Amino acid sequence: MVPPVKNEVRERREAAGLSQAELGAAVGVTRQTVNAIECERYDPSLELAFGLAAHFDCTVEDLFDSGTDDEE
């Protein structure tokens, strides 16, 4: 089983002063989806990952870390 992707969604959301519901509405998902991503229980689709990165004006790589680079 592949471990969940680590991310900085919570940190960036809180720094922006957004609630989970506000972030979800901004990227077209529910508050529950944002919570699951932040708690690393759910890996977002590629489309959602790009949407979150665009919302926070960063790259997907800045927002998400699969940890695969550490193994090389």
C-alpha atoms as a PDB file:
ATOM      1  CA  MET A   1       0.000   0.000   0.000  1.00  0.00           C
ATOM      2  CA  VAL A   2       1.272   3.448  -0.939  1.00  0.00           C
ATOM      3  CA  PRO A   3       1.408   5.890   1.988  1.00  0.00           C
ATOM      4  CA  PRO A   4      -0.596   9.108   1.657  1.00  0.00           C
ATOM      5  CA  VAL A   5       1.070  12.146   0.151  1.00  0.00           C
ATOM      6  CA  LYS A   6       2.284  14.651   2.736  1.00  0.00           C
ATOM      7  CA  ASN A   7       1.099  18.190   2.148  1.00  0.00           C
ATOM      8  CA  GLU A   8       1.100  21.769   3.405  1.00  0.00           C
ATOM      9  CA  VAL A   9      -2.582  22.476   2.725  1.00  0.00           C
ATOM     10  CA  ARG A  10      -3.497  23.142   6.373  1.00  0.00           C
ATOM     11  CA  GLU A  11      -0.547  25.457   6.953  1.00  0.00           C
ATOM     12  CA  ARG A  12      -1.216  27.476   3.799  1.00  0.00           C
ATOM     13  CA  ARG A  13      -4.985  27.606   4.444  1.00  0.00           C
ATOM     14  CA  GLU A  14      -4.484  28.864   7.989  1.00  0.00           C
ATOM     15  CA  ALA A  15      -1.867  31.398   6.851  1.00  0.00           C
ATOM     16  CA  ALA A  16      -4.416  32.703   4.337  1.00  0.00           C
ATOM     17  CA  GLY A  17      -7.045  32.990   7.083  1.00  0.00           C
ATOM     18  CA  LEU A  18      -9.451  30.596   5.369  1.00  0.00           C
ATOM     19  CA  SER A  19     -11.763  28.012   6.885  1.00  0.00           C
ATOM     20  CA  GLN A  20     -11.908  24.546   5.403  1.00  0.00           C
ATOM     21  CA  ALA A  21     -15.335  25.399   3.974  1.00  0.00           C
ATOM     22  CA  GLU A  22     -14.022  28.589   2.362  1.00  0.00           C
ATOM     23  CA  LEU A  23     -11.100  26.769   0.755  1.00  0.00           C
ATOM     24  CA  GLY A  24     -13.385  23.977  -0.397  1.00  0.00           C
ATOM     25  CA  ALA A  25     -15.765  26.456  -2.013  1.00  0.00           C
ATOM     26  CA  ALA A  26     -12.855  28.213  -3.721  1.00  0.00           C
ATOM     27  CA  VAL A  27     -11.623  24.991  -5.352  1.00  0.00           C
ATOM     28  CA  GLY A  28     -14.961  23.234  -5.838  1.00  0.00           C
ATOM     29  CA  VAL A  29     -14.934  20.558  -3.136  1.00  0.00           C
ATOM     30  CA  THR A  30     -16.563  20.067   0.258  1.00  0.00           C
ATOM     31  CA  ARG A  31     -15.148  20.995   3.653  1.00  0.00           C
ATOM     32  CA  GLN A  32     -14.919  17.263   4.352  1.00  0.00           C
ATOM     33  CA  THR A  33     -12.655  16.775   1.339  1.00  0.00           C
ATOM     34  CA  VAL A  34     -10.352  19.572   2.503  1.00  0.00           C
ATOM     35  CA  ASN A  35     -10.265  18.009   5.972  1.00  0.00           C
ATOM     36  CA  ALA A  36      -9.416  14.568   4.565  1.00  0.00           C
ATOM     37  CA  ILE A  37      -6.569  16.043   2.480  1.00  0.00           C
ATOM     38  CA  GLU A  38      -5.195  17.982   5.452  1.00  0.00           C
ATOM     39  CA  CYS A  39      -5.317  14.867   7.667  1.00  0.00           C
ATOM     40  CA  GLU A  40      -3.613  12.884   4.887  1.00  0.00           C
ATOM     41  CA  ARG A  41      -6.501  10.431   4.654  1.00  0.00           C
ATOM     42  CA  TYR A  42      -7.168  11.325   1.013  1.00  0.00           C
ATOM     43  CA  ASP A  43      -4.871  12.092  -1.910  1.00  0.00           C
ATOM     44  CA  PRO A  44      -6.478  14.664  -4.202  1.00  0.00           C
ATOM     45  CA  SER A  45      -6.960  14.102  -7.892  1.00  0.00           C
ATOM     46  CA  LEU A  46      -4.419  15.717 -10.181  1.00  0.00           C
ATOM     47  CA  GLU A  47      -7.015  18.318 -11.166  1.00  0.00           C
ATOM     48  CA  LEU A  48      -7.700  19.188  -7.517  1.00  0.00           C
ATOM     49  CA  ALA A  49      -3.987  19.268  -6.657  1.00  0.00           C
ATOM     50  CA  PHE A  50      -3.408  21.774  -9.465  1.00  0.00           C
ATOM     51  CA  GLY A  51      -6.450  23.779  -8.327  1.00  0.00           C
ATOM     52  CA  LEU A  52      -5.148  23.977  -4.768  1.00  0.00           C
ATOM     53  CA  ALA A  53      -1.678  24.953  -5.964  1.00  0.00           C
ATOM     54  CA  ALA A  54      -3.142  27.666  -8.203  1.00  0.00           C
ATOM     55  CA  HIS A  55      -5.253  28.969  -5.308  1.00  0.00           C
ATOM     56  CA  PHE A  56      -2.168  29.263  -3.115  1.00  0.00           C
ATOM     57  CA  ASP A  57      -0.049  30.584  -6.015  1.00  0.00           C
ATOM     58  CA  CYS A  58       2.544  27.844  -5.714  1.00  0.00           C
ATOM     59  CA  THR A  59       3.557  24.706  -7.561  1.00  0.00           C
ATOM     60  CA  VAL A  60       2.057  21.292  -6.882  1.00  0.00           C
ATOM     61  CA  GLU A  61       5.531  20.188  -5.749  1.00  0.00           C
ATOM     62  CA  ASP A  62       5.596  23.017  -3.184  1.00  0.00           C
ATOM     63  CA  LEU A  63       2.229  21.946  -1.790  1.00  0.00           C
ATOM     64  CA  PHE A  64       2.552  18.150  -1.929  1.00  0.00           C
ATOM     65  CA  ASP A  65       5.476  15.866  -1.114  1.00  0.00           C
ATOM     66  CA  SER A  66       5.236  12.190  -2.057  1.00  0.00           C
ATOM     67  CA  GLY A  67       8.478  11.454  -0.240  1.00  0.00           C
ATOM     68  CA  THR A  68       9.839   9.595  -3.265  1.00  0.00           C
ATOM     69  CA  ASP A  69      12.778  12.007  -3.675  1.00  0.00           C
ATOM     70  CA  ASP A  70      14.110  10.969  -0.249  1.00  0.00           C
ATOM     71  CA  GLU A  71      14.536   7.367  -1.357  1.00  0.00           C
ATOM     72  CA  GLU A  72      16.845   8.106  -4.292  1.00  0.00           C
END
